[in-house]
């Protein structure tokens, strides 16, 4: 399944910060370590050289990915038209007939790592909830069967576009 190219302003800034750090700090430091290790002579048995060359390849791979990804991402800010309905950026609280309650914020697929309070807009529950209002029913088909949830709250973080 293709990833949606949407991202929040905060998520976009985090990716830009990561790219900047990798390029200006991590890559420079690792390149210096590779040059130092190479100056020691025999590279075939030089663990510092091998490790830092591998680390440099990983850094370069991530830099290439971030540069390409940042070019295609579309930053989505809150719009008053979204109020009262579930759209990108909404923090949604849902509950089922058993009283189980879940709260999550719908974000882009690039923002879901290391944060248990967010889900991707590509997730089945997010797709099923899009356009719904408070008290609407959300039915989600999963490998364990059909699950029914009720939307109990919708909120948005209002961000201002950068000038």
N, C-alpha and C. Protein backbone atom coordinates (compact mmCIF):
# COMPACT_ATOMS: atom_id res chain seq x y z
N UNK A 1 0.85 -1.18 0.00
CA UNK A 1 0.00 0.00 0.00
C UNK A 1 0.89 1.24 0.00
N UNK A 2 0.59 2.18 -0.87
CA UNK A 2 1.36 3.42 -0.96
C UNK A 2 1.10 4.30 0.27
N UNK A 3 2.13 5.02 0.64
CA UNK A 3 2.00 5.92 1.79
C UNK A 3 1.36 7.23 1.35
N UNK A 4 0.53 7.77 2.22
CA UNK A 4 -0.07 9.07 1.97
C UNK A 4 1.00 10.13 2.19
N UNK A 5 1.03 11.13 1.35
CA UNK A 5 2.07 12.17 1.42
C UNK A 5 1.62 13.38 2.23
N UNK A 6 0.89 13.14 3.31
CA UNK A 6 0.45 14.22 4.19
C UNK A 6 1.28 14.18 5.47
N UNK A 7 1.48 15.37 6.06
CA UNK A 7 2.24 15.46 7.30
C UNK A 7 1.81 16.72 8.04
N UNK A 8 1.91 16.68 9.36
CA UNK A 8 1.60 17.88 10.14
C UNK A 8 2.79 18.83 10.08
N UNK A 9 2.56 20.08 10.41
CA UNK A 9 3.65 21.06 10.42
C UNK A 9 4.75 20.62 11.39
N UNK A 10 4.36 20.15 12.57
CA UNK A 10 5.33 19.71 13.57
C UNK A 10 6.13 18.51 13.05
N UNK A 11 5.47 17.57 12.42
CA UNK A 11 6.16 16.40 11.86
C UNK A 11 7.15 16.79 10.78
N UNK A 12 6.75 17.74 9.92
CA UNK A 12 7.63 18.21 8.86
C UNK A 12 8.88 18.86 9.45
N UNK A 13 8.68 19.68 10.48
CA UNK A 13 9.81 20.34 11.13
C UNK A 13 10.74 19.32 11.79
N UNK A 14 10.18 18.26 12.36
CA UNK A 14 11.01 17.22 12.98
C UNK A 14 11.87 16.52 11.93
N UNK A 15 11.29 16.22 10.77
CA UNK A 15 12.07 15.58 9.70
C UNK A 15 13.15 16.52 9.18
N UNK A 16 12.85 17.80 9.05
CA UNK A 16 13.85 18.77 8.62
C UNK A 16 14.98 18.88 9.64
N UNK A 17 14.64 18.87 10.92
CA UNK A 17 15.64 18.93 11.99
C UNK A 17 16.53 17.69 11.95
N UNK A 18 15.92 16.53 11.75
CA UNK A 18 16.70 15.29 11.66
C UNK A 18 17.67 15.35 10.47
N UNK A 19 17.18 15.79 9.32
CA UNK A 19 18.03 15.91 8.13
C UNK A 19 19.19 16.86 8.38
N UNK A 20 18.89 18.00 8.97
CA UNK A 20 19.92 19.00 9.26
C UNK A 20 20.97 18.43 10.22
N UNK A 21 20.53 17.72 11.26
CA UNK A 21 21.46 17.13 12.24
C UNK A 21 22.33 16.05 11.57
N UNK A 22 21.71 15.20 10.77
CA UNK A 22 22.48 14.16 10.09
C UNK A 22 23.54 14.76 9.18
N UNK A 23 23.16 15.80 8.43
CA UNK A 23 24.06 16.40 7.46
C UNK A 23 25.18 17.21 8.13
N UNK A 24 24.82 18.05 9.09
CA UNK A 24 25.79 18.97 9.69
C UNK A 24 26.60 18.36 10.84
N UNK A 25 26.05 17.38 11.56
CA UNK A 25 26.74 16.85 12.74
C UNK A 25 27.19 15.40 12.53
N UNK A 26 26.21 14.50 12.40
CA UNK A 26 26.52 13.07 12.33
C UNK A 26 27.45 12.72 11.17
N UNK A 27 27.13 13.22 9.98
CA UNK A 27 27.93 12.88 8.81
C UNK A 27 29.35 13.43 8.94
N UNK A 28 29.47 14.67 9.39
CA UNK A 28 30.79 15.29 9.54
C UNK A 28 31.64 14.52 10.54
N UNK A 29 31.06 14.19 11.71
CA UNK A 29 31.80 13.45 12.74
C UNK A 29 32.21 12.06 12.25
N UNK A 30 31.31 11.38 11.57
CA UNK A 30 31.60 10.03 11.09
C UNK A 30 32.66 10.07 9.99
N UNK A 31 32.61 11.07 9.13
CA UNK A 31 33.62 11.21 8.07
C UNK A 31 35.00 11.42 8.69
N UNK A 32 35.06 12.22 9.73
CA UNK A 32 36.34 12.44 10.43
C UNK A 32 36.86 11.14 11.04
N UNK A 33 35.98 10.33 11.61
CA UNK A 33 36.39 9.05 12.19
C UNK A 33 36.89 8.09 11.12
N UNK A 34 36.23 8.08 9.96
CA UNK A 34 36.66 7.22 8.86
C UNK A 34 38.05 7.64 8.39
N UNK A 35 38.27 8.94 8.24
CA UNK A 35 39.58 9.44 7.80
C UNK A 35 40.66 9.09 8.82
N UNK A 36 40.36 9.24 10.10
CA UNK A 36 41.31 8.90 11.15
C UNK A 36 41.64 7.41 11.11
N UNK A 37 40.61 6.56 11.01
CA UNK A 37 40.82 5.11 11.00
C UNK A 37 41.58 4.68 9.75
N UNK A 38 41.32 5.34 8.63
CA UNK A 38 42.03 5.01 7.39
C UNK A 38 43.50 5.37 7.49
N UNK A 39 43.81 6.42 8.24
CA UNK A 39 45.21 6.86 8.37
C UNK A 39 46.04 5.88 9.20
N UNK A 40 45.39 4.95 9.89
CA UNK A 40 46.12 3.99 10.72
C UNK A 40 46.75 2.86 9.90
N UNK A 41 46.41 2.78 8.65
CA UNK A 41 47.04 1.75 7.81
C UNK A 41 46.05 0.71 7.34
N UNK A 42 46.41 -0.56 7.52
CA UNK A 42 45.66 -1.71 7.01
C UNK A 42 44.18 -1.63 7.35
N UNK A 43 43.35 -1.41 6.33
CA UNK A 43 41.92 -1.25 6.53
C UNK A 43 41.19 -2.59 6.62
N UNK A 44 41.79 -3.66 6.14
CA UNK A 44 41.10 -4.94 6.09
C UNK A 44 40.80 -5.49 7.48
N UNK A 45 41.60 -5.14 8.47
CA UNK A 45 41.37 -5.63 9.83
C UNK A 45 41.13 -4.48 10.82
N UNK A 46 40.74 -3.33 10.31
CA UNK A 46 40.53 -2.15 11.13
C UNK A 46 39.03 -2.03 11.46
N UNK A 47 38.66 -2.41 12.67
CA UNK A 47 37.25 -2.41 13.09
C UNK A 47 36.66 -1.00 13.09
N UNK A 48 37.44 0.00 13.53
CA UNK A 48 36.94 1.38 13.54
C UNK A 48 36.60 1.84 12.13
N UNK A 49 37.48 1.51 11.20
CA UNK A 49 37.25 1.91 9.81
C UNK A 49 35.98 1.24 9.27
N UNK A 50 35.87 -0.08 9.44
CA UNK A 50 34.72 -0.81 8.91
C UNK A 50 33.41 -0.32 9.53
N UNK A 51 33.41 -0.18 10.85
CA UNK A 51 32.20 0.26 11.55
C UNK A 51 31.75 1.65 11.07
N UNK A 52 32.69 2.58 11.02
CA UNK A 52 32.33 3.95 10.64
C UNK A 52 31.99 4.09 9.17
N UNK A 53 32.57 3.26 8.31
CA UNK A 53 32.18 3.27 6.89
C UNK A 53 30.73 2.80 6.76
N UNK A 54 30.39 1.74 7.52
CA UNK A 54 29.03 1.24 7.50
C UNK A 54 28.06 2.29 8.06
N UNK A 55 28.45 2.94 9.14
CA UNK A 55 27.62 3.99 9.73
C UNK A 55 27.43 5.15 8.74
N UNK A 56 28.49 5.50 8.03
CA UNK A 56 28.41 6.57 7.04
C UNK A 56 27.44 6.21 5.92
N UNK A 57 27.45 4.95 5.48
CA UNK A 57 26.50 4.51 4.44
C UNK A 57 25.06 4.62 4.96
N UNK A 58 24.83 4.26 6.22
CA UNK A 58 23.49 4.36 6.80
C UNK A 58 23.04 5.81 6.89
N UNK A 59 23.94 6.69 7.30
CA UNK A 59 23.62 8.12 7.39
C UNK A 59 23.28 8.66 6.01
N UNK A 60 24.11 8.32 5.02
CA UNK A 60 23.87 8.81 3.65
C UNK A 60 22.55 8.29 3.09
N UNK A 61 22.23 7.03 3.40
CA UNK A 61 20.97 6.45 2.94
C UNK A 61 19.79 7.21 3.55
N UNK A 62 19.86 7.52 4.85
CA UNK A 62 18.78 8.25 5.53
C UNK A 62 18.67 9.68 4.99
N UNK A 63 19.80 10.31 4.73
CA UNK A 63 19.79 11.67 4.17
C UNK A 63 19.11 11.67 2.80
N UNK A 64 19.45 10.70 1.95
CA UNK A 64 18.81 10.63 0.62
C UNK A 64 17.31 10.42 0.76
N UNK A 65 16.91 9.52 1.67
CA UNK A 65 15.49 9.26 1.89
C UNK A 65 14.77 10.53 2.34
N UNK A 66 15.33 11.21 3.35
CA UNK A 66 14.67 12.40 3.89
C UNK A 66 14.56 13.50 2.84
N UNK A 67 15.60 13.71 2.06
CA UNK A 67 15.54 14.75 1.01
C UNK A 67 14.44 14.46 0.01
N UNK A 68 14.36 13.22 -0.45
CA UNK A 68 13.31 12.86 -1.41
C UNK A 68 11.93 12.95 -0.77
N UNK A 69 11.81 12.48 0.45
CA UNK A 69 10.51 12.46 1.12
C UNK A 69 10.00 13.87 1.41
N UNK A 70 10.88 14.74 1.88
CA UNK A 70 10.47 16.12 2.19
C UNK A 70 9.98 16.86 0.95
N UNK A 71 10.49 16.48 -0.23
CA UNK A 71 10.05 17.13 -1.47
C UNK A 71 8.60 16.82 -1.81
N UNK A 72 8.12 15.63 -1.46
CA UNK A 72 6.77 15.22 -1.86
C UNK A 72 5.71 15.39 -0.78
N UNK A 73 6.14 15.66 0.45
CA UNK A 73 5.18 15.79 1.54
C UNK A 73 4.39 17.09 1.45
N UNK A 74 3.12 17.01 1.82
CA UNK A 74 2.25 18.20 1.85
C UNK A 74 1.88 18.46 3.31
N UNK A 75 2.26 19.64 3.80
CA UNK A 75 1.97 20.02 5.18
C UNK A 75 0.49 20.41 5.30
N UNK A 76 -0.18 19.82 6.27
CA UNK A 76 -1.60 20.09 6.50
C UNK A 76 -1.76 20.82 7.83
N UNK A 77 -2.33 22.00 7.78
CA UNK A 77 -2.63 22.78 8.97
C UNK A 77 -4.13 22.71 9.25
N UNK A 78 -4.50 23.02 10.48
CA UNK A 78 -5.91 23.04 10.87
C UNK A 78 -6.67 24.08 10.05
N UNK A 79 -7.88 23.70 9.67
CA UNK A 79 -8.77 24.61 8.96
C UNK A 79 -10.10 24.62 9.70
N UNK A 80 -10.72 25.79 9.89
CA UNK A 80 -11.99 25.85 10.61
C UNK A 80 -13.08 24.93 10.03
N UNK A 81 -12.99 24.61 8.74
CA UNK A 81 -13.98 23.73 8.11
C UNK A 81 -13.91 22.31 8.67
N UNK A 82 -12.80 21.95 9.31
CA UNK A 82 -12.64 20.61 9.88
C UNK A 82 -13.41 20.44 11.18
N UNK A 83 -13.71 21.51 11.84
CA UNK A 83 -14.33 21.48 13.18
C UNK A 83 -15.55 20.57 13.20
N UNK A 84 -15.57 19.66 14.19
CA UNK A 84 -16.72 18.78 14.40
C UNK A 84 -16.69 17.49 13.61
N UNK A 85 -15.72 17.32 12.74
CA UNK A 85 -15.59 16.09 11.95
C UNK A 85 -14.16 15.58 12.04
N UNK A 86 -13.99 14.30 11.77
CA UNK A 86 -12.68 13.67 11.84
C UNK A 86 -11.97 13.84 10.49
N UNK A 87 -10.84 14.53 10.53
CA UNK A 87 -9.97 14.68 9.37
C UNK A 87 -8.53 14.59 9.84
N UNK A 88 -7.61 14.78 8.92
CA UNK A 88 -6.18 14.72 9.25
C UNK A 88 -5.89 15.70 10.38
N UNK A 89 -5.15 15.24 11.38
CA UNK A 89 -4.78 16.08 12.51
C UNK A 89 -5.73 16.02 13.68
N UNK A 90 -6.84 15.33 13.53
CA UNK A 90 -7.82 15.24 14.61
C UNK A 90 -7.33 14.32 15.72
N UNK A 91 -7.60 14.71 16.96
CA UNK A 91 -7.41 13.82 18.10
C UNK A 91 -8.80 13.27 18.39
N UNK A 92 -8.93 11.96 18.25
CA UNK A 92 -10.22 11.30 18.31
C UNK A 92 -10.28 10.35 19.51
N UNK A 93 -11.37 10.41 20.24
CA UNK A 93 -11.62 9.45 21.31
C UNK A 93 -12.77 8.57 20.86
N UNK A 94 -12.54 7.26 20.91
CA UNK A 94 -13.56 6.30 20.51
C UNK A 94 -13.79 5.31 21.66
N UNK A 95 -14.98 4.73 21.69
CA UNK A 95 -15.24 3.70 22.68
C UNK A 95 -16.14 2.64 22.07
N UNK A 96 -16.09 1.44 22.66
CA UNK A 96 -16.92 0.35 22.15
C UNK A 96 -18.01 0.00 23.16
N UNK A 97 -18.79 -1.02 22.85
CA UNK A 97 -19.90 -1.43 23.72
C UNK A 97 -19.43 -1.95 25.08
N UNK A 98 -18.18 -2.39 25.16
CA UNK A 98 -17.63 -2.92 26.41
C UNK A 98 -17.05 -1.84 27.31
N UNK A 99 -17.09 -0.60 26.86
CA UNK A 99 -16.56 0.51 27.64
C UNK A 99 -15.07 0.76 27.42
N UNK A 100 -14.46 0.00 26.51
CA UNK A 100 -13.04 0.25 26.18
C UNK A 100 -12.94 1.58 25.45
N UNK A 101 -11.98 2.40 25.86
CA UNK A 101 -11.82 3.72 25.26
C UNK A 101 -10.41 3.87 24.71
N UNK A 102 -10.30 4.48 23.55
CA UNK A 102 -9.00 4.74 22.93
C UNK A 102 -8.98 6.18 22.42
N UNK A 103 -7.84 6.82 22.58
CA UNK A 103 -7.65 8.18 22.06
C UNK A 103 -6.40 8.17 21.20
N UNK A 104 -6.49 8.77 20.02
CA UNK A 104 -5.35 8.83 19.11
C UNK A 104 -5.46 10.07 18.24
N UNK A 105 -4.34 10.49 17.71
CA UNK A 105 -4.29 11.61 16.78
C UNK A 105 -3.93 11.07 15.41
N UNK A 106 -4.64 11.49 14.39
CA UNK A 106 -4.42 11.02 13.03
C UNK A 106 -3.34 11.90 12.38
N UNK A 107 -2.23 11.27 12.02
CA UNK A 107 -1.09 11.97 11.42
C UNK A 107 -0.63 11.23 10.17
N UNK A 108 0.41 11.76 9.54
CA UNK A 108 0.97 11.11 8.37
C UNK A 108 1.81 9.89 8.75
N UNK A 109 2.06 9.00 7.80
CA UNK A 109 2.80 7.78 8.09
C UNK A 109 4.25 8.03 8.53
N UNK A 110 4.79 9.20 8.24
CA UNK A 110 6.16 9.52 8.64
C UNK A 110 6.26 9.96 10.09
N UNK A 111 5.14 10.11 10.77
CA UNK A 111 5.12 10.65 12.13
C UNK A 111 4.79 9.63 13.21
N UNK A 112 4.54 8.39 12.85
CA UNK A 112 4.00 7.44 13.82
C UNK A 112 5.06 6.73 14.66
N UNK A 113 6.31 6.88 14.33
CA UNK A 113 7.35 6.14 15.04
C UNK A 113 7.65 6.75 16.40
N UNK A 114 7.82 5.90 17.38
CA UNK A 114 8.17 6.30 18.75
C UNK A 114 7.08 7.11 19.45
N UNK A 115 5.85 6.98 19.02
CA UNK A 115 4.75 7.70 19.66
C UNK A 115 3.50 6.82 19.63
N UNK A 116 3.08 6.36 20.79
CA UNK A 116 1.92 5.45 20.89
C UNK A 116 0.58 6.19 20.86
N UNK A 117 0.61 7.53 20.84
CA UNK A 117 -0.65 8.29 20.88
C UNK A 117 -1.12 8.70 19.49
N UNK A 118 -0.40 8.31 18.46
CA UNK A 118 -0.77 8.69 17.09
C UNK A 118 -0.95 7.45 16.22
N UNK A 119 -1.76 7.61 15.16
CA UNK A 119 -1.88 6.56 14.16
C UNK A 119 -1.80 7.20 12.78
N UNK A 120 -1.42 6.40 11.83
CA UNK A 120 -1.30 6.88 10.45
C UNK A 120 -2.67 7.07 9.84
N UNK A 121 -2.78 8.05 8.98
CA UNK A 121 -4.02 8.26 8.24
C UNK A 121 -4.32 7.06 7.35
N UNK A 122 -3.31 6.24 7.10
CA UNK A 122 -3.48 5.04 6.28
C UNK A 122 -4.00 3.85 7.09
N UNK A 123 -4.08 3.97 8.42
CA UNK A 123 -4.55 2.87 9.27
C UNK A 123 -6.05 2.65 9.03
N UNK A 124 -6.50 1.41 9.09
CA UNK A 124 -7.92 1.12 8.83
C UNK A 124 -8.88 1.90 9.73
N UNK A 125 -8.57 2.06 11.00
CA UNK A 125 -9.48 2.79 11.90
C UNK A 125 -9.54 4.27 11.53
N UNK A 126 -8.41 4.82 11.11
CA UNK A 126 -8.39 6.23 10.70
C UNK A 126 -9.21 6.41 9.43
N UNK A 127 -9.02 5.52 8.47
CA UNK A 127 -9.77 5.61 7.21
C UNK A 127 -11.28 5.50 7.47
N UNK A 128 -11.64 4.58 8.37
CA UNK A 128 -13.06 4.39 8.67
C UNK A 128 -13.66 5.59 9.39
N UNK A 129 -12.85 6.31 10.16
CA UNK A 129 -13.36 7.44 10.94
C UNK A 129 -13.42 8.75 10.16
N UNK A 130 -12.69 8.85 9.05
CA UNK A 130 -12.65 10.11 8.30
C UNK A 130 -14.05 10.59 7.92
N UNK A 131 -14.30 11.86 8.19
CA UNK A 131 -15.57 12.49 7.85
C UNK A 131 -16.68 12.27 8.86
N UNK A 132 -16.42 11.48 9.88
CA UNK A 132 -17.45 11.18 10.89
C UNK A 132 -17.48 12.28 11.96
N UNK A 133 -18.60 12.32 12.69
CA UNK A 133 -18.81 13.28 13.77
C UNK A 133 -18.96 12.56 15.10
N UNK A 134 -19.06 13.33 16.19
CA UNK A 134 -19.28 12.75 17.51
C UNK A 134 -20.59 11.95 17.48
N UNK A 135 -20.60 10.80 18.13
CA UNK A 135 -21.71 9.84 18.21
C UNK A 135 -21.90 9.00 16.95
N UNK A 136 -21.09 9.21 15.92
CA UNK A 136 -21.17 8.36 14.73
C UNK A 136 -20.53 7.01 15.02
N UNK A 137 -20.96 6.01 14.28
CA UNK A 137 -20.44 4.65 14.40
C UNK A 137 -19.30 4.46 13.41
N UNK A 138 -18.23 3.83 13.89
CA UNK A 138 -17.09 3.50 13.04
C UNK A 138 -16.94 1.99 13.06
N UNK A 139 -17.06 1.36 11.91
CA UNK A 139 -16.90 -0.09 11.81
C UNK A 139 -15.58 -0.38 11.12
N UNK A 140 -14.78 -1.22 11.79
CA UNK A 140 -13.45 -1.54 11.29
C UNK A 140 -13.32 -3.05 11.15
N UNK A 141 -12.96 -3.48 9.96
CA UNK A 141 -12.73 -4.90 9.72
C UNK A 141 -11.26 -5.20 9.98
N UNK A 142 -11.01 -6.16 10.88
CA UNK A 142 -9.65 -6.57 11.21
C UNK A 142 -9.54 -8.08 11.03
N UNK A 143 -8.34 -8.62 11.13
CA UNK A 143 -8.20 -10.08 11.01
C UNK A 143 -9.00 -10.85 12.08
N UNK A 144 -9.31 -10.19 13.20
CA UNK A 144 -10.08 -10.86 14.26
C UNK A 144 -11.58 -10.65 14.11
N UNK A 145 -12.00 -9.92 13.07
CA UNK A 145 -13.42 -9.71 12.83
C UNK A 145 -13.79 -8.24 12.72
N UNK A 146 -15.08 -7.99 12.65
CA UNK A 146 -15.60 -6.64 12.53
C UNK A 146 -15.75 -6.03 13.92
N UNK A 147 -15.18 -4.84 14.12
CA UNK A 147 -15.26 -4.15 15.41
C UNK A 147 -16.04 -2.85 15.23
N UNK A 148 -16.91 -2.56 16.20
CA UNK A 148 -17.72 -1.34 16.15
C UNK A 148 -17.26 -0.40 17.26
N UNK A 149 -17.00 0.84 16.89
CA UNK A 149 -16.58 1.88 17.83
C UNK A 149 -17.51 3.08 17.65
N UNK A 150 -17.61 3.89 18.69
CA UNK A 150 -18.43 5.11 18.66
C UNK A 150 -17.51 6.29 18.94
N UNK A 151 -17.62 7.32 18.16
CA UNK A 151 -16.80 8.51 18.36
C UNK A 151 -17.40 9.32 19.51
N UNK A 152 -16.58 9.55 20.55
CA UNK A 152 -17.08 10.29 21.71
C UNK A 152 -16.50 11.70 21.81
N UNK A 153 -15.37 11.96 21.13
CA UNK A 153 -14.80 13.31 21.16
C UNK A 153 -13.88 13.51 19.95
N UNK A 154 -13.85 14.75 19.49
CA UNK A 154 -12.97 15.15 18.39
C UNK A 154 -12.37 16.49 18.76
N UNK A 155 -11.04 16.60 18.65
CA UNK A 155 -10.37 17.86 18.96
C UNK A 155 -9.25 18.08 17.96
N UNK A 156 -8.86 19.31 17.79
CA UNK A 156 -7.77 19.67 16.88
C UNK A 156 -6.78 20.58 17.58
N UNK A 157 -5.50 20.42 17.26
CA UNK A 157 -4.48 21.36 17.68
C UNK A 157 -4.44 22.40 16.57
N UNK A 158 -4.66 23.62 16.94
CA UNK A 158 -4.69 24.69 15.93
C UNK A 158 -3.29 25.25 15.75
N UNK A 159 -2.70 24.98 14.59
CA UNK A 159 -1.36 25.50 14.27
C UNK A 159 -1.49 26.61 13.25
N UNK A 160 -0.53 27.49 13.32
CA UNK A 160 -0.50 28.59 12.36
C UNK A 160 0.58 28.30 11.32
N UNK A 161 0.24 28.48 10.05
CA UNK A 161 1.24 28.26 9.01
C UNK A 161 2.43 29.20 9.18
N UNK A 162 3.62 28.69 8.86
CA UNK A 162 4.81 29.54 8.93
C UNK A 162 4.79 30.52 7.77
N UNK A 163 5.29 31.71 8.00
CA UNK A 163 5.29 32.74 6.95
C UNK A 163 6.41 32.54 5.99
